[in-house]
Amino acid sequence: MIDQLLVISPMAALLFHLTQGFWLYAWPMIIGFLTILGYQTLGRVTMAGNAKWPVVFGFASVVSMVSLGGWVMMARGIHMIPFYGCGVGLASALMSRVYAVTIRVHPRLRVRVLQVIWRGDTEGIGKLQQALRARAARGAKPVSVPE
């Protein structure tokens, strides 16, 4: 039985509903989005052939944990499945627009950062193709697995 004399402030009720809305609707969408984004990026990084195996292993482990976390979350409540699916669909649509993911060195910080080249970016695609041609002309060999 609910006590009719219980007074709840409107701010507390608003905070409760916002928190509930985030965990029920936004969180499954974020997890679905990160799952597909992670797997797509992992596939592109590994196909490049120049990533070190500990980096690939660590990245693949994190992506798999996010994916498994999403599946565990879906098992707790059937109402989360459509939002997880929306996140997966959004990430798939976004990643279909990506032409390449490259790594460049930040000019000031001197750290390596990911750079996304979008399909509509003709200038970026041209620079990437020019860099690949120059690398092939130098005789750079793809990284091979030692036997």
N, C-alpha and C. Protein backbone atom coordinates (compact mmCIF):
# COMPACT_ATOMS: atom_id res chain seq x y z
N MET A 1 0.83 -1.16 0.00
CA MET A 1 0.00 0.00 0.00
C MET A 1 0.88 1.24 0.00
N ILE A 2 0.54 2.22 -0.78
CA ILE A 2 1.31 3.45 -0.90
C ILE A 2 0.78 4.46 0.11
N ASP A 3 1.71 5.06 0.83
CA ASP A 3 1.34 6.06 1.83
C ASP A 3 1.00 7.37 1.11
N GLN A 4 -0.22 7.84 1.26
CA GLN A 4 -0.68 9.05 0.60
C GLN A 4 -0.06 10.31 1.20
N LEU A 5 0.49 10.21 2.38
CA LEU A 5 1.08 11.37 3.02
C LEU A 5 2.56 11.56 2.67
N LEU A 6 3.11 10.61 1.92
CA LEU A 6 4.51 10.69 1.52
C LEU A 6 4.67 11.80 0.48
N VAL A 7 5.55 12.73 0.77
CA VAL A 7 5.78 13.86 -0.13
C VAL A 7 7.13 13.69 -0.81
N ILE A 8 7.11 13.69 -2.12
CA ILE A 8 8.33 13.57 -2.91
C ILE A 8 8.49 14.86 -3.70
N SER A 9 9.68 15.44 -3.63
CA SER A 9 9.91 16.70 -4.34
C SER A 9 9.88 16.44 -5.85
N PRO A 10 9.42 17.42 -6.62
CA PRO A 10 9.39 17.26 -8.07
C PRO A 10 10.78 17.03 -8.67
N MET A 11 11.81 17.65 -8.10
CA MET A 11 13.17 17.47 -8.61
C MET A 11 13.64 16.03 -8.43
N ALA A 12 13.31 15.43 -7.28
CA ALA A 12 13.70 14.04 -7.04
C ALA A 12 12.96 13.11 -7.99
N ALA A 13 11.68 13.38 -8.24
CA ALA A 13 10.92 12.56 -9.17
C ALA A 13 11.47 12.70 -10.59
N LEU A 14 11.82 13.92 -10.98
CA LEU A 14 12.40 14.14 -12.31
C LEU A 14 13.73 13.42 -12.45
N LEU A 15 14.59 13.52 -11.43
CA LEU A 15 15.87 12.83 -11.46
C LEU A 15 15.68 11.32 -11.55
N PHE A 16 14.72 10.78 -10.82
CA PHE A 16 14.43 9.35 -10.87
C PHE A 16 14.02 8.93 -12.27
N HIS A 17 13.12 9.68 -12.90
CA HIS A 17 12.63 9.31 -14.23
C HIS A 17 13.70 9.50 -15.31
N LEU A 18 14.53 10.51 -15.17
CA LEU A 18 15.64 10.68 -16.12
C LEU A 18 16.65 9.54 -16.01
N THR A 19 16.96 9.16 -14.78
CA THR A 19 17.88 8.04 -14.57
C THR A 19 17.30 6.74 -15.11
N GLN A 20 16.03 6.51 -14.83
CA GLN A 20 15.36 5.31 -15.32
C GLN A 20 15.32 5.31 -16.85
N GLY A 21 15.03 6.45 -17.45
CA GLY A 21 15.00 6.55 -18.91
C GLY A 21 16.36 6.28 -19.53
N PHE A 22 17.42 6.77 -18.89
CA PHE A 22 18.76 6.50 -19.42
C PHE A 22 19.07 5.02 -19.41
N TRP A 23 18.87 4.35 -18.26
CA TRP A 23 19.23 2.93 -18.15
C TRP A 23 18.32 2.03 -18.97
N LEU A 24 17.06 2.42 -19.19
CA LEU A 24 16.15 1.56 -19.95
C LEU A 24 16.19 1.80 -21.45
N TYR A 25 16.48 3.02 -21.87
CA TYR A 25 16.39 3.36 -23.29
C TYR A 25 17.73 3.74 -23.91
N ALA A 26 18.47 4.64 -23.29
CA ALA A 26 19.71 5.12 -23.89
C ALA A 26 20.85 4.12 -23.74
N TRP A 27 20.98 3.49 -22.57
CA TRP A 27 22.10 2.58 -22.32
C TRP A 27 22.12 1.39 -23.29
N PRO A 28 21.00 0.70 -23.54
CA PRO A 28 21.05 -0.39 -24.53
C PRO A 28 21.44 0.11 -25.93
N MET A 29 21.00 1.32 -26.29
CA MET A 29 21.36 1.86 -27.59
C MET A 29 22.86 2.16 -27.66
N ILE A 30 23.42 2.69 -26.58
CA ILE A 30 24.86 2.98 -26.54
C ILE A 30 25.67 1.68 -26.62
N ILE A 31 25.26 0.66 -25.89
CA ILE A 31 25.99 -0.62 -25.91
C ILE A 31 25.91 -1.26 -27.30
N GLY A 32 24.75 -1.25 -27.93
CA GLY A 32 24.63 -1.79 -29.28
C GLY A 32 25.50 -1.03 -30.27
N PHE A 33 25.51 0.29 -30.14
CA PHE A 33 26.33 1.13 -31.01
C PHE A 33 27.81 0.82 -30.82
N LEU A 34 28.26 0.75 -29.56
CA LEU A 34 29.67 0.47 -29.29
C LEU A 34 30.09 -0.92 -29.73
N THR A 35 29.18 -1.88 -29.65
CA THR A 35 29.50 -3.24 -30.10
C THR A 35 29.84 -3.26 -31.58
N ILE A 36 28.96 -2.71 -32.40
CA ILE A 36 29.20 -2.72 -33.85
C ILE A 36 30.37 -1.82 -34.22
N LEU A 37 30.46 -0.66 -33.59
CA LEU A 37 31.58 0.25 -33.85
C LEU A 37 32.91 -0.45 -33.53
N GLY A 38 32.94 -1.15 -32.42
CA GLY A 38 34.16 -1.86 -32.03
C GLY A 38 34.52 -2.99 -32.98
N TYR A 39 33.55 -3.81 -33.35
CA TYR A 39 33.84 -4.92 -34.27
C TYR A 39 34.25 -4.42 -35.65
N GLN A 40 33.59 -3.38 -36.15
CA GLN A 40 33.96 -2.83 -37.46
C GLN A 40 35.37 -2.23 -37.42
N THR A 41 35.67 -1.49 -36.38
CA THR A 41 37.00 -0.89 -36.26
C THR A 41 38.05 -1.98 -36.09
N LEU A 42 37.75 -2.98 -35.30
CA LEU A 42 38.69 -4.10 -35.11
C LEU A 42 38.99 -4.78 -36.44
N GLY A 43 37.95 -5.02 -37.23
CA GLY A 43 38.16 -5.66 -38.53
C GLY A 43 39.03 -4.82 -39.45
N ARG A 44 38.81 -3.52 -39.45
CA ARG A 44 39.59 -2.64 -40.33
C ARG A 44 41.04 -2.51 -39.86
N VAL A 45 41.24 -2.47 -38.55
CA VAL A 45 42.61 -2.37 -38.02
C VAL A 45 43.37 -3.66 -38.29
N THR A 46 42.75 -4.80 -38.09
CA THR A 46 43.45 -6.07 -38.31
C THR A 46 43.72 -6.32 -39.79
N MET A 47 42.82 -5.88 -40.66
CA MET A 47 43.06 -6.08 -42.09
C MET A 47 44.17 -5.19 -42.63
N ALA A 48 44.46 -4.10 -41.92
CA ALA A 48 45.56 -3.23 -42.35
C ALA A 48 46.89 -3.97 -42.29
N GLY A 49 47.02 -4.89 -41.33
CA GLY A 49 48.20 -5.74 -41.27
C GLY A 49 49.39 -5.15 -40.54
N ASN A 50 49.29 -3.93 -40.04
CA ASN A 50 50.46 -3.35 -39.38
C ASN A 50 50.26 -3.11 -37.89
N ALA A 51 49.20 -3.65 -37.33
CA ALA A 51 48.96 -3.51 -35.89
C ALA A 51 49.68 -4.63 -35.15
N LYS A 52 50.23 -4.28 -34.01
CA LYS A 52 50.92 -5.28 -33.19
C LYS A 52 49.90 -6.20 -32.54
N TRP A 53 50.28 -7.45 -32.34
CA TRP A 53 49.32 -8.44 -31.84
C TRP A 53 48.83 -8.13 -30.44
N PRO A 54 49.63 -7.57 -29.51
CA PRO A 54 49.06 -7.27 -28.19
C PRO A 54 47.96 -6.20 -28.27
N VAL A 55 48.10 -5.26 -29.19
CA VAL A 55 47.07 -4.23 -29.36
C VAL A 55 45.80 -4.85 -29.90
N VAL A 56 45.93 -5.70 -30.91
CA VAL A 56 44.77 -6.37 -31.49
C VAL A 56 44.10 -7.26 -30.45
N PHE A 57 44.90 -8.00 -29.69
CA PHE A 57 44.34 -8.87 -28.66
C PHE A 57 43.58 -8.07 -27.61
N GLY A 58 44.17 -7.00 -27.12
CA GLY A 58 43.50 -6.17 -26.12
C GLY A 58 42.23 -5.54 -26.64
N PHE A 59 42.29 -5.01 -27.85
CA PHE A 59 41.12 -4.38 -28.44
C PHE A 59 40.01 -5.40 -28.68
N ALA A 60 40.37 -6.58 -29.18
CA ALA A 60 39.38 -7.62 -29.43
C ALA A 60 38.75 -8.10 -28.12
N SER A 61 39.54 -8.17 -27.07
CA SER A 61 39.01 -8.57 -25.77
C SER A 61 38.00 -7.56 -25.24
N VAL A 62 38.33 -6.28 -25.35
CA VAL A 62 37.42 -5.24 -24.86
C VAL A 62 36.12 -5.24 -25.67
N VAL A 63 36.23 -5.36 -26.98
CA VAL A 63 35.03 -5.37 -27.83
C VAL A 63 34.16 -6.58 -27.51
N SER A 64 34.78 -7.73 -27.29
CA SER A 64 34.01 -8.92 -26.95
C SER A 64 33.32 -8.78 -25.60
N MET A 65 33.99 -8.13 -24.65
CA MET A 65 33.36 -7.92 -23.34
C MET A 65 32.17 -6.97 -23.44
N VAL A 66 32.29 -5.94 -24.27
CA VAL A 66 31.17 -5.01 -24.47
C VAL A 66 29.99 -5.75 -25.11
N SER A 67 30.30 -6.58 -26.10
CA SER A 67 29.26 -7.35 -26.77
C SER A 67 28.57 -8.32 -25.80
N LEU A 68 29.35 -9.02 -25.02
CA LEU A 68 28.78 -9.96 -24.06
C LEU A 68 27.97 -9.22 -22.99
N GLY A 69 28.46 -8.05 -22.58
CA GLY A 69 27.70 -7.23 -21.65
C GLY A 69 26.36 -6.83 -22.22
N GLY A 70 26.32 -6.52 -23.51
CA GLY A 70 25.05 -6.21 -24.17
C GLY A 70 24.10 -7.39 -24.16
N TRP A 71 24.63 -8.59 -24.43
CA TRP A 71 23.77 -9.78 -24.43
C TRP A 71 23.24 -10.09 -23.03
N VAL A 72 24.08 -9.91 -22.02
CA VAL A 72 23.63 -10.13 -20.64
C VAL A 72 22.52 -9.14 -20.29
N MET A 73 22.70 -7.91 -20.73
CA MET A 73 21.69 -6.89 -20.47
C MET A 73 20.37 -7.24 -21.17
N MET A 74 20.43 -7.78 -22.37
CA MET A 74 19.21 -8.14 -23.09
C MET A 74 18.50 -9.30 -22.41
N ALA A 75 19.27 -10.18 -21.78
CA ALA A 75 18.65 -11.32 -21.10
C ALA A 75 17.87 -10.88 -19.87
N ARG A 76 18.19 -9.72 -19.32
CA ARG A 76 17.50 -9.24 -18.11
C ARG A 76 16.14 -8.65 -18.41
N GLY A 77 15.94 -8.15 -19.60
CA GLY A 77 14.65 -7.54 -19.91
C GLY A 77 14.39 -7.47 -21.40
N ILE A 78 13.29 -8.04 -21.84
CA ILE A 78 12.97 -8.08 -23.25
C ILE A 78 12.68 -6.69 -23.82
N HIS A 79 12.31 -5.75 -22.94
CA HIS A 79 11.99 -4.40 -23.39
C HIS A 79 13.22 -3.63 -23.87
N MET A 80 14.42 -4.11 -23.58
CA MET A 80 15.64 -3.43 -24.01
C MET A 80 16.08 -3.83 -25.40
N ILE A 81 15.58 -4.92 -25.93
CA ILE A 81 16.03 -5.45 -27.21
C ILE A 81 15.83 -4.47 -28.36
N PRO A 82 14.68 -3.81 -28.51
CA PRO A 82 14.55 -2.87 -29.64
C PRO A 82 15.55 -1.72 -29.59
N PHE A 83 15.89 -1.24 -28.41
CA PHE A 83 16.83 -0.13 -28.30
C PHE A 83 18.25 -0.59 -28.59
N TYR A 84 18.59 -1.82 -28.17
CA TYR A 84 19.89 -2.40 -28.53
C TYR A 84 19.98 -2.54 -30.05
N GLY A 85 18.88 -2.99 -30.66
CA GLY A 85 18.84 -3.12 -32.12
C GLY A 85 18.97 -1.78 -32.81
N CYS A 86 18.38 -0.74 -32.24
CA CYS A 86 18.52 0.60 -32.83
C CYS A 86 19.97 1.06 -32.78
N GLY A 87 20.65 0.77 -31.68
CA GLY A 87 22.07 1.13 -31.58
C GLY A 87 22.92 0.37 -32.59
N VAL A 88 22.61 -0.92 -32.79
CA VAL A 88 23.33 -1.73 -33.78
C VAL A 88 23.08 -1.18 -35.18
N GLY A 89 21.83 -0.86 -35.48
CA GLY A 89 21.50 -0.32 -36.80
C GLY A 89 22.15 1.03 -37.06
N LEU A 90 22.16 1.89 -36.05
CA LEU A 90 22.79 3.20 -36.19
C LEU A 90 24.29 3.07 -36.45
N ALA A 91 24.95 2.19 -35.71
CA ALA A 91 26.39 1.99 -35.91
C ALA A 91 26.68 1.37 -37.27
N SER A 92 25.85 0.44 -37.72
CA SER A 92 26.04 -0.17 -39.04
C SER A 92 25.89 0.86 -40.14
N ALA A 93 24.88 1.73 -40.01
CA ALA A 93 24.69 2.79 -41.01
C ALA A 93 25.86 3.77 -41.00
N LEU A 94 26.34 4.10 -39.81
CA LEU A 94 27.47 5.02 -39.71
C LEU A 94 28.73 4.41 -40.30
N MET A 95 29.01 3.16 -39.96
CA MET A 95 30.23 2.53 -40.44
C MET A 95 30.20 2.24 -41.94
N SER A 96 29.02 2.19 -42.54
CA SER A 96 28.96 2.01 -43.99
C SER A 96 29.43 3.26 -44.72
N ARG A 97 29.49 4.38 -44.04
CA ARG A 97 29.95 5.64 -44.62
C ARG A 97 31.45 5.86 -44.43
N VAL A 98 32.12 4.97 -43.69
CA VAL A 98 33.56 5.11 -43.43
C VAL A 98 34.34 4.48 -44.57
N TYR A 99 35.28 5.23 -45.14
CA TYR A 99 36.12 4.71 -46.21
C TYR A 99 37.34 3.99 -45.63
N ALA A 100 37.98 4.61 -44.65
CA ALA A 100 39.17 4.01 -44.03
C ALA A 100 39.38 4.60 -42.65
N VAL A 101 40.07 3.84 -41.83
CA VAL A 101 40.51 4.32 -40.52
C VAL A 101 42.03 4.24 -40.52
N THR A 102 42.67 5.39 -40.36
CA THR A 102 44.13 5.43 -40.38
C THR A 102 44.63 5.93 -39.04
N ILE A 103 45.92 5.75 -38.83
CA ILE A 103 46.56 6.25 -37.61
C ILE A 103 47.56 7.31 -38.03
N ARG A 104 47.46 8.47 -37.40
CA ARG A 104 48.42 9.54 -37.68
C ARG A 104 49.00 10.02 -36.36
N VAL A 105 50.10 10.74 -36.45
CA VAL A 105 50.74 11.29 -35.26
C VAL A 105 50.25 12.73 -35.09
N HIS A 106 49.75 13.03 -33.89
CA HIS A 106 49.29 14.38 -33.60
C HIS A 106 50.48 15.33 -33.63
N PRO A 107 50.38 16.48 -34.33
CA PRO A 107 51.56 17.34 -34.50
C PRO A 107 52.13 17.91 -33.20
N ARG A 108 51.29 18.29 -32.27
CA ARG A 108 51.80 18.91 -31.03
C ARG A 108 52.04 17.89 -29.93
N LEU A 109 51.11 16.96 -29.77
CA LEU A 109 51.19 16.02 -28.66
C LEU A 109 52.13 14.84 -28.92
N ARG A 110 52.45 14.60 -30.19
CA ARG A 110 53.33 13.49 -30.59
C ARG A 110 52.80 12.13 -30.14
N VAL A 111 51.49 11.96 -30.20
CA VAL A 111 50.88 10.67 -29.91
C VAL A 111 50.10 10.22 -31.14
N ARG A 112 49.92 8.93 -31.26
CA ARG A 112 49.18 8.41 -32.40
C ARG A 112 47.68 8.48 -32.11
N VAL A 113 46.92 8.97 -33.08
CA VAL A 113 45.47 9.09 -32.95
C VAL A 113 44.81 8.49 -34.20
N LEU A 114 43.60 7.98 -34.02
CA LEU A 114 42.85 7.44 -35.15
C LEU A 114 42.28 8.58 -35.97
N GLN A 115 42.30 8.42 -37.29
CA GLN A 115 41.70 9.39 -38.19
C GLN A 115 40.72 8.64 -39.09
N VAL A 116 39.50 9.12 -39.15
CA VAL A 116 38.47 8.50 -39.96
C VAL A 116 38.39 9.25 -41.29
N ILE A 117 38.42 8.50 -42.39
CA ILE A 117 38.24 9.08 -43.72
C ILE A 117 36.87 8.63 -44.20
N TRP A 118 35.98 9.61 -44.42
CA TRP A 118 34.60 9.33 -44.82
C TRP A 118 34.52 9.13 -46.32
N ARG A 119 33.51 8.40 -46.77
CA ARG A 119 33.33 8.11 -48.20
C ARG A 119 33.18 9.36 -49.06
N GLY A 120 32.57 10.42 -48.56
CA GLY A 120 32.37 11.62 -49.35
C GLY A 120 33.56 12.56 -49.36
N ASP A 121 34.61 12.26 -48.61
CA ASP A 121 35.79 13.12 -48.50
C ASP A 121 36.77 12.79 -49.62
N THR A 122 36.59 13.42 -50.79
CA THR A 122 37.45 13.11 -51.95
C THR A 122 38.90 13.53 -51.71
N GLU A 123 39.08 14.64 -50.99
CA GLU A 123 40.45 15.10 -50.70
C GLU A 123 41.17 14.11 -49.80
N GLY A 124 40.50 13.65 -48.75
CA GLY A 124 41.09 12.68 -47.83
C GLY A 124 41.37 11.34 -48.50
N ILE A 125 40.46 10.90 -49.36
CA ILE A 125 40.67 9.64 -50.09
C ILE A 125 41.85 9.78 -51.03
N GLY A 126 41.96 10.94 -51.72
CA GLY A 126 43.08 11.17 -52.62
C GLY A 126 44.41 11.16 -51.89
N LYS A 127 44.47 11.79 -50.70
CA LYS A 127 45.70 11.79 -49.91
C LYS A 127 46.07 10.38 -49.45
N LEU A 128 45.05 9.60 -49.05
CA LEU A 128 45.30 8.22 -48.62
C LEU A 128 45.84 7.38 -49.78
N GLN A 129 45.22 7.50 -50.94
CA GLN A 129 45.68 6.72 -52.10
C GLN A 129 47.08 7.14 -52.52
N GLN A 130 47.37 8.43 -52.44
CA GLN A 130 48.71 8.92 -52.77
C GLN A 130 49.74 8.36 -51.79
N ALA A 131 49.41 8.35 -50.50
CA ALA A 131 50.32 7.80 -49.50
C ALA A 131 50.53 6.30 -49.71
N LEU A 132 49.46 5.58 -50.08
CA LEU A 132 49.59 4.14 -50.33
C LEU A 132 50.45 3.87 -51.56
N ARG A 133 50.28 4.69 -52.61
CA ARG A 133 51.12 4.52 -53.81
C ARG A 133 52.59 4.79 -53.49
N ALA A 134 52.85 5.85 -52.70
CA ALA A 134 54.22 6.17 -52.33
C ALA A 134 54.83 5.05 -51.49
N ARG A 135 54.05 4.47 -50.61
CA ARG A 135 54.54 3.37 -49.78
C ARG A 135 54.85 2.15 -50.64
N ALA A 136 53.98 1.87 -51.62
CA ALA A 136 54.22 0.72 -52.51
C ALA A 136 55.45 0.97 -53.38
N ALA A 137 55.66 2.22 -53.80
CA ALA A 137 56.81 2.52 -54.63
C ALA A 137 58.12 2.38 -53.84
N ARG A 138 58.09 2.67 -52.55
CA ARG A 138 59.27 2.51 -51.72
C ARG A 138 59.59 1.05 -51.48
N GLY A 139 58.66 0.20 -51.76
CA GLY A 139 58.88 -1.22 -51.55
C GLY A 139 58.56 -1.67 -50.15
N ALA A 140 57.73 -0.93 -49.47
CA ALA A 140 57.36 -1.32 -48.11
C ALA A 140 56.55 -2.59 -48.17
N LYS A 141 56.97 -3.55 -47.38
CA LYS A 141 56.30 -4.83 -47.36
C LYS A 141 55.30 -4.87 -46.23
N PRO A 142 54.16 -5.55 -46.43
CA PRO A 142 53.22 -5.70 -45.30
C PRO A 142 53.84 -6.54 -44.21
N VAL A 143 53.39 -6.32 -43.01
CA VAL A 143 53.92 -7.07 -41.87
C VAL A 143 53.53 -8.53 -42.02
N SER A 144 54.51 -9.40 -41.90
CA SER A 144 54.23 -10.83 -42.01
C SER A 144 54.37 -11.48 -40.65
N VAL A 145 53.71 -12.61 -40.51
CA VAL A 145 53.75 -13.35 -39.25
C VAL A 145 55.00 -14.22 -39.24
N PRO A 146 55.84 -14.11 -38.20
CA PRO A 146 57.04 -14.97 -38.14
C PRO A 146 56.65 -16.42 -37.94
N GLU A 147 57.43 -17.28 -38.54
CA GLU A 147 57.13 -18.72 -38.44
C GLU A 147 57.83 -19.34 -37.29
